[in-house]
PDB file of all heavy atoms in Angstrom:
ATOM      1  N   ARG A   1      -8.747  -0.584 -11.118  1.00  0.00           N
ATOM      2  CA  ARG A   1      -8.740  -1.824 -11.910  1.00  0.00           C
ATOM      3  C   ARG A   1      -7.411  -2.564 -11.762  1.00  0.00           C
ATOM      4  O   ARG A   1      -7.368  -3.788 -11.664  1.00  0.00           O
ATOM      5  CB  ARG A   1      -9.015  -1.502 -13.378  1.00  0.00           C
ATOM      6  CG  ARG A   1      -9.192  -2.738 -14.230  1.00  0.00           C
ATOM      7  CD  ARG A   1      -9.623  -2.362 -15.622  1.00  0.00           C
ATOM      8  NE  ARG A   1      -8.532  -2.678 -16.521  1.00  0.00           N
ATOM      9  CZ  ARG A   1      -8.412  -2.226 -17.749  1.00  0.00           C
ATOM     10  NH1 ARG A   1      -9.308  -1.401 -18.250  1.00  0.00           N
ATOM     11  NH2 ARG A   1      -7.404  -2.569 -18.493  1.00  0.00           N
ATOM     12  N   GLY A   2      -6.316  -1.828 -11.729  1.00  0.00           N
ATOM     13  CA  GLY A   2      -5.003  -2.438 -11.537  1.00  0.00           C
ATOM     14  C   GLY A   2      -4.844  -3.037 -10.154  1.00  0.00           C
ATOM     15  O   GLY A   2      -4.252  -4.115  -9.998  1.00  0.00           O
ATOM     16  N   ARG A   3      -5.371  -2.352  -9.149  1.00  0.00           N
ATOM     17  CA  ARG A   3      -5.296  -2.875  -7.779  1.00  0.00           C
ATOM     18  C   ARG A   3      -6.146  -4.132  -7.612  1.00  0.00           C
ATOM     19  O   ARG A   3      -5.883  -4.947  -6.730  1.00  0.00           O
ATOM     20  CB  ARG A   3      -5.701  -1.796  -6.771  1.00  0.00           C
ATOM     21  CG  ARG A   3      -4.672  -0.669  -6.665  1.00  0.00           C
ATOM     22  CD  ARG A   3      -4.949   0.281  -5.508  1.00  0.00           C
ATOM     23  NE  ARG A   3      -6.291   0.839  -5.509  1.00  0.00           N
ATOM     24  CZ  ARG A   3      -6.664   1.940  -6.169  1.00  0.00           C
ATOM     25  NH1 ARG A   3      -5.778   2.602  -6.898  1.00  0.00           N
ATOM     26  NH2 ARG A   3      -7.904   2.376  -6.110  1.00  0.00           N
ATOM     27  N   ARG A   4      -7.150  -4.309  -8.462  1.00  0.00           N
ATOM     28  CA  ARG A   4      -7.953  -5.547  -8.446  1.00  0.00           C
ATOM     29  C   ARG A   4      -7.278  -6.658  -9.259  1.00  0.00           C
ATOM     30  O   ARG A   4      -7.315  -7.823  -8.870  1.00  0.00           O
ATOM     31  CB  ARG A   4      -9.351  -5.288  -9.002  1.00  0.00           C
ATOM     32  CG  ARG A   4     -10.255  -4.484  -8.091  1.00  0.00           C
ATOM     33  CD  ARG A   4     -11.697  -4.447  -8.592  1.00  0.00           C
ATOM     34  NE  ARG A   4     -11.821  -3.956  -9.958  1.00  0.00           N
ATOM     35  CZ  ARG A   4     -11.982  -2.678 -10.308  1.00  0.00           C
ATOM     36  NH1 ARG A   4     -12.038  -1.739  -9.371  1.00  0.00           N
ATOM     37  NH2 ARG A   4     -12.106  -2.323 -11.573  1.00  0.00           N
ATOM     38  N   ALA A   5      -6.688  -6.312 -10.390  1.00  0.00           N
ATOM     39  CA  ALA A   5      -6.106  -7.319 -11.287  1.00  0.00           C
ATOM     40  C   ALA A   5      -4.824  -7.942 -10.725  1.00  0.00           C
ATOM     41  O   ALA A   5      -4.588  -9.142 -10.888  1.00  0.00           O
ATOM     42  CB  ALA A   5      -5.826  -6.708 -12.658  1.00  0.00           C
ATOM     43  N   ALA A   6      -3.990  -7.147 -10.076  1.00  0.00           N
ATOM     44  CA  ALA A   6      -2.701  -7.664  -9.598  1.00  0.00           C
ATOM     45  C   ALA A   6      -2.863  -8.829  -8.615  1.00  0.00           C
ATOM     46  O   ALA A   6      -2.178  -9.850  -8.759  1.00  0.00           O
ATOM     47  CB  ALA A   6      -1.863  -6.535  -9.012  1.00  0.00           C
ATOM     48  N   PRO A   7      -3.745  -8.755  -7.625  1.00  0.00           N
ATOM     49  CA  PRO A   7      -3.909  -9.910  -6.732  1.00  0.00           C
ATOM     50  C   PRO A   7      -4.463 -11.156  -7.438  1.00  0.00           C
ATOM     51  O   PRO A   7      -4.112 -12.282  -7.082  1.00  0.00           O
ATOM     52  CB  PRO A   7      -4.890  -9.403  -5.666  1.00  0.00           C
ATOM     53  CG  PRO A   7      -4.732  -7.919  -5.677  1.00  0.00           C
ATOM     54  CD  PRO A   7      -4.467  -7.582  -7.116  1.00  0.00           C
ATOM     55  N   VAL A   8      -5.297 -10.960  -8.437  1.00  0.00           N
ATOM     56  CA  VAL A   8      -5.799 -12.095  -9.224  1.00  0.00           C
ATOM     57  C   VAL A   8      -4.631 -12.764  -9.944  1.00  0.00           C
ATOM     58  O   VAL A   8      -4.504 -13.995  -9.959  1.00  0.00           O
ATOM     59  CB  VAL A   8      -6.891 -11.635 -10.218  1.00  0.00           C
ATOM     60  CG1 VAL A   8      -7.266 -12.745 -11.181  1.00  0.00           C
ATOM     61  CG2 VAL A   8      -8.117 -11.135  -9.461  1.00  0.00           C
ATOM     62  N   MET A   9      -3.759 -11.955 -10.531  1.00  0.00           N
ATOM     63  CA  MET A   9      -2.570 -12.504 -11.194  1.00  0.00           C
ATOM     64  C   MET A   9      -1.666 -13.193 -10.176  1.00  0.00           C
ATOM     65  O   MET A   9      -1.092 -14.244 -10.466  1.00  0.00           O
ATOM     66  CB  MET A   9      -1.806 -11.403 -11.919  1.00  0.00           C
ATOM     67  CG  MET A   9      -2.475 -10.907 -13.186  1.00  0.00           C
ATOM     68  SD  MET A   9      -2.742 -12.224 -14.418  1.00  0.00           S
ATOM     69  CE  MET A   9      -1.062 -12.618 -14.846  1.00  0.00           C
ATOM     70  N   ALA A  10      -1.552 -12.607  -8.998  1.00  0.00           N
ATOM     71  CA  ALA A  10      -0.702 -13.204  -7.963  1.00  0.00           C
ATOM     72  C   ALA A  10      -1.158 -14.622  -7.631  1.00  0.00           C
ATOM     73  O   ALA A  10      -0.328 -15.530  -7.497  1.00  0.00           O
ATOM     74  CB  ALA A  10      -0.705 -12.335  -6.708  1.00  0.00           C
ATOM     75  N   GLU A  11      -2.457 -14.823  -7.510  1.00  0.00           N
ATOM     76  CA  GLU A  11      -2.959 -16.170  -7.201  1.00  0.00           C
ATOM     77  C   GLU A  11      -2.657 -17.145  -8.335  1.00  0.00           C
ATOM     78  O   GLU A  11      -2.295 -18.299  -8.087  1.00  0.00           O
ATOM     79  CB  GLU A  11      -4.448 -16.127  -6.881  1.00  0.00           C
ATOM     80  CG  GLU A  11      -4.742 -15.446  -5.556  1.00  0.00           C
ATOM     81  CD  GLU A  11      -3.894 -15.985  -4.414  1.00  0.00           C
ATOM     82  OE1 GLU A  11      -3.854 -17.216  -4.200  1.00  0.00           O
ATOM     83  OE2 GLU A  11      -3.247 -15.166  -3.727  1.00  0.00           O
ATOM     84  N   ALA A  12      -2.787 -16.700  -9.570  1.00  0.00           N
ATOM     85  CA  ALA A  12      -2.465 -17.563 -10.712  1.00  0.00           C
ATOM     86  C   ALA A  12      -0.973 -17.879 -10.740  1.00  0.00           C
ATOM     87  O   ALA A  12      -0.573 -19.004 -11.052  1.00  0.00           O
ATOM     88  CB  ALA A  12      -2.902 -16.894 -12.011  1.00  0.00           C
ATOM     89  N   LEU A  13      -0.146 -16.907 -10.403  1.00  0.00           N
ATOM     90  CA  LEU A  13       1.303 -17.130 -10.384  1.00  0.00           C
ATOM     91  C   LEU A  13       1.698 -18.041  -9.227  1.00  0.00           C
ATOM     92  O   LEU A  13       2.583 -18.884  -9.372  1.00  0.00           O
ATOM     93  CB  LEU A  13       2.039 -15.793 -10.305  1.00  0.00           C
ATOM     94  CG  LEU A  13       1.869 -14.904 -11.537  1.00  0.00           C
ATOM     95  CD1 LEU A  13       2.466 -13.529 -11.293  1.00  0.00           C
ATOM     96  CD2 LEU A  13       2.459 -15.549 -12.770  1.00  0.00           C
ATOM     97  N   ARG A  14       1.035 -17.901  -8.093  1.00  0.00           N
ATOM     98  CA  ARG A  14       1.320 -18.781  -6.954  1.00  0.00           C
ATOM     99  C   ARG A  14       1.064 -20.242  -7.355  1.00  0.00           C
ATOM    100  O   ARG A  14       1.822 -21.138  -7.010  1.00  0.00           O
ATOM    101  CB  ARG A  14       0.461 -18.415  -5.755  1.00  0.00           C
ATOM    102  CG  ARG A  14       0.773 -19.290  -4.534  1.00  0.00           C
ATOM    103  CD  ARG A  14      -0.251 -19.169  -3.407  1.00  0.00           C
ATOM    104  NE  ARG A  14      -0.707 -17.846  -3.112  1.00  0.00           N
ATOM    105  CZ  ARG A  14      -0.153 -17.021  -2.226  1.00  0.00           C
ATOM    106  NH1 ARG A  14       0.925 -17.386  -1.575  1.00  0.00           N
ATOM    107  NH2 ARG A  14      -0.675 -15.837  -1.988  1.00  0.00           N
ATOM    108  N   ALA A  15       0.006 -20.478  -8.108  1.00  0.00           N
ATOM    109  CA  ALA A  15      -0.333 -21.838  -8.543  1.00  0.00           C
ATOM    110  C   ALA A  15       0.742 -22.419  -9.463  1.00  0.00           C
ATOM    111  O   ALA A  15       0.872 -23.636  -9.559  1.00  0.00           O
ATOM    112  CB  ALA A  15      -1.682 -21.838  -9.244  1.00  0.00           C
ATOM    113  N   GLN A  16       1.511 -21.569 -10.118  1.00  0.00           N
ATOM    114  CA  GLN A  16       2.567 -22.034 -11.029  1.00  0.00           C
ATOM    115  C   GLN A  16       3.847 -22.412 -10.283  1.00  0.00           C
ATOM    116  O   GLN A  16       4.752 -22.989 -10.875  1.00  0.00           O
ATOM    117  CB  GLN A  16       2.888 -20.948 -12.056  1.00  0.00           C
ATOM    118  CG  GLN A  16       1.701 -20.539 -12.877  1.00  0.00           C
ATOM    119  CD  GLN A  16       1.885 -20.814 -14.337  1.00  0.00           C
ATOM    120  OE1 GLN A  16       2.982 -21.025 -14.813  1.00  0.00           O
ATOM    121  NE2 GLN A  16       0.792 -20.834 -15.052  1.00  0.00           N
ATOM    122  N   ALA A  17       3.941 -22.052  -8.997  1.00  0.00           N
ATOM    123  CA  ALA A  17       5.105 -22.375  -8.159  1.00  0.00           C
ATOM    124  C   ALA A  17       6.413 -21.911  -8.804  1.00  0.00           C
ATOM    125  O   ALA A  17       7.378 -22.656  -8.897  1.00  0.00           O
ATOM    126  CB  ALA A  17       5.144 -23.871  -7.845  1.00  0.00           C
ATOM    127  N   LEU A  18       6.434 -20.668  -9.235  1.00  0.00           N
ATOM    128  CA  LEU A  18       7.620 -20.087  -9.859  1.00  0.00           C
ATOM    129  C   LEU A  18       8.563 -19.571  -8.781  1.00  0.00           C
ATOM    130  O   LEU A  18       8.126 -19.106  -7.736  1.00  0.00           O
ATOM    131  CB  LEU A  18       7.218 -18.934 -10.773  1.00  0.00           C
ATOM    132  CG  LEU A  18       6.169 -19.268 -11.830  1.00  0.00           C
ATOM    133  CD1 LEU A  18       5.683 -17.998 -12.514  1.00  0.00           C
ATOM    134  CD2 LEU A  18       6.730 -20.239 -12.839  1.00  0.00           C
ATOM    135  N   ALA A  19       9.859 -19.644  -9.057  1.00  0.00           N
ATOM    136  CA  ALA A  19      10.849 -19.176  -8.083  1.00  0.00           C
ATOM    137  C   ALA A  19      11.980 -18.452  -8.807  1.00  0.00           C
ATOM    138  O   ALA A  19      13.070 -18.997  -8.982  1.00  0.00           O
ATOM    139  CB  ALA A  19      11.383 -20.349  -7.279  1.00  0.00           C
ATOM    140  N   PRO A  20      11.741 -17.209  -9.240  1.00  0.00           N
ATOM    141  CA  PRO A  20      12.830 -16.479  -9.901  1.00  0.00           C
ATOM    142  C   PRO A  20      13.992 -16.255  -8.935  1.00  0.00           C
ATOM    143  O   PRO A  20      13.784 -16.072  -7.728  1.00  0.00           O
ATOM    144  CB  PRO A  20      12.180 -15.153 -10.313  1.00  0.00           C
ATOM    145  CG  PRO A  20      10.980 -15.006  -9.454  1.00  0.00           C
ATOM    146  CD  PRO A  20      10.537 -16.399  -9.105  1.00  0.00           C
ATOM    147  N   GLY A  21      15.195 -16.271  -9.478  1.00  0.00           N
ATOM    148  CA  GLY A  21      16.372 -16.038  -8.652  1.00  0.00           C
ATOM    149  C   GLY A  21      16.550 -14.574  -8.302  1.00  0.00           C
ATOM    150  O   GLY A  21      17.224 -14.241  -7.327  1.00  0.00           O
ATOM    151  N   LEU A  22      15.949 -13.696  -9.108  1.00  0.00           N
ATOM    152  CA  LEU A  22      16.070 -12.256  -8.900  1.00  0.00           C
ATOM    153  C   LEU A  22      14.867 -11.576  -9.535  1.00  0.00           C
ATOM    154  O   LEU A  22      14.401 -12.006 -10.596  1.00  0.00           O
ATOM    155  CB  LEU A  22      17.357 -11.730  -9.560  1.00  0.00           C
ATOM    156  CG  LEU A  22      17.598 -10.221  -9.549  1.00  0.00           C
ATOM    157  CD1 LEU A  22      17.802  -9.703  -8.119  1.00  0.00           C
ATOM    158  CD2 LEU A  22      18.802  -9.880 -10.426  1.00  0.00           C
ATOM    159  N   VAL A  23      14.387 -10.528  -8.899  1.00  0.00           N
ATOM    160  CA  VAL A  23      13.331  -9.696  -9.468  1.00  0.00           C
ATOM    161  C   VAL A  23      13.917  -8.322  -9.713  1.00  0.00           C
ATOM    162  O   VAL A  23      14.524  -7.724  -8.821  1.00  0.00           O
ATOM    163  CB  VAL A  23      12.114  -9.590  -8.530  1.00  0.00           C
ATOM    164  CG1 VAL A  23      11.080  -8.622  -9.095  1.00  0.00           C
ATOM    165  CG2 VAL A  23      11.501 -10.959  -8.302  1.00  0.00           C
ATOM    166  N   LEU A  24      13.756  -7.844 -10.934  1.00  0.00           N
ATOM    167  CA  LEU A  24      14.177  -6.500 -11.329  1.00  0.00           C
ATOM    168  C   LEU A  24      12.914  -5.707 -11.620  1.00  0.00           C
ATOM    169  O   LEU A  24      12.120  -6.095 -12.472  1.00  0.00           O
ATOM    170  CB  LEU A  24      15.060  -6.561 -12.570  1.00  0.00           C
ATOM    171  CG  LEU A  24      16.346  -7.360 -12.428  1.00  0.00           C
ATOM    172  CD1 LEU A  24      17.035  -7.494 -13.782  1.00  0.00           C
ATOM    173  CD2 LEU A  24      17.271  -6.709 -11.407  1.00  0.00           C
ATOM    174  N   CYS A  25      12.734  -4.614 -10.910  1.00  0.00           N
ATOM    175  CA  CYS A  25      11.504  -3.840 -11.022  1.00  0.00           C
ATOM    176  C   CYS A  25      11.822  -2.406 -11.411  1.00  0.00           C
ATOM    177  O   CYS A  25      12.726  -1.779 -10.850  1.00  0.00           O
ATOM    178  CB  CYS A  25      10.765  -3.862  -9.683  1.00  0.00           C
ATOM    179  SG  CYS A  25       9.163  -3.033  -9.689  1.00  0.00           S
ATOM    180  N   SER A  26      11.074  -1.890 -12.353  1.00  0.00           N
ATOM    181  CA  SER A  26      11.150  -0.480 -12.704  1.00  0.00           C
ATOM    182  C   SER A  26      10.859   0.363 -11.471  1.00  0.00           C
ATOM    183  O   SER A  26      10.090  -0.037 -10.596  1.00  0.00           O
ATOM    184  CB  SER A  26      10.116  -0.177 -13.798  1.00  0.00           C
ATOM    185  OG  SER A  26       9.877   1.204 -13.913  1.00  0.00           O
ATOM    186  N   THR A  27      11.437   1.539 -11.426  1.00  0.00           N
ATOM    187  CA  THR A  27      11.176   2.452 -10.305  1.00  0.00           C
ATOM    188  C   THR A  27       9.872   3.217 -10.459  1.00  0.00           C
ATOM    189  O   THR A  27       9.472   3.938  -9.542  1.00  0.00           O
ATOM    190  CB  THR A  27      12.325   3.467 -10.155  1.00  0.00           C
ATOM    191  OG1 THR A  27      12.484   4.160 -11.397  1.00  0.00           O
ATOM    192  CG2 THR A  27      13.614   2.790  -9.735  1.00  0.00           C
TER     193      THR A  27
END
């Protein structure tokens, strides 16, 4: 379910044209 949801979110985020200066990700 997570592997399906993440790409859907990615497309919605792409439409927002966001450009963070840095990404901090948990390990």
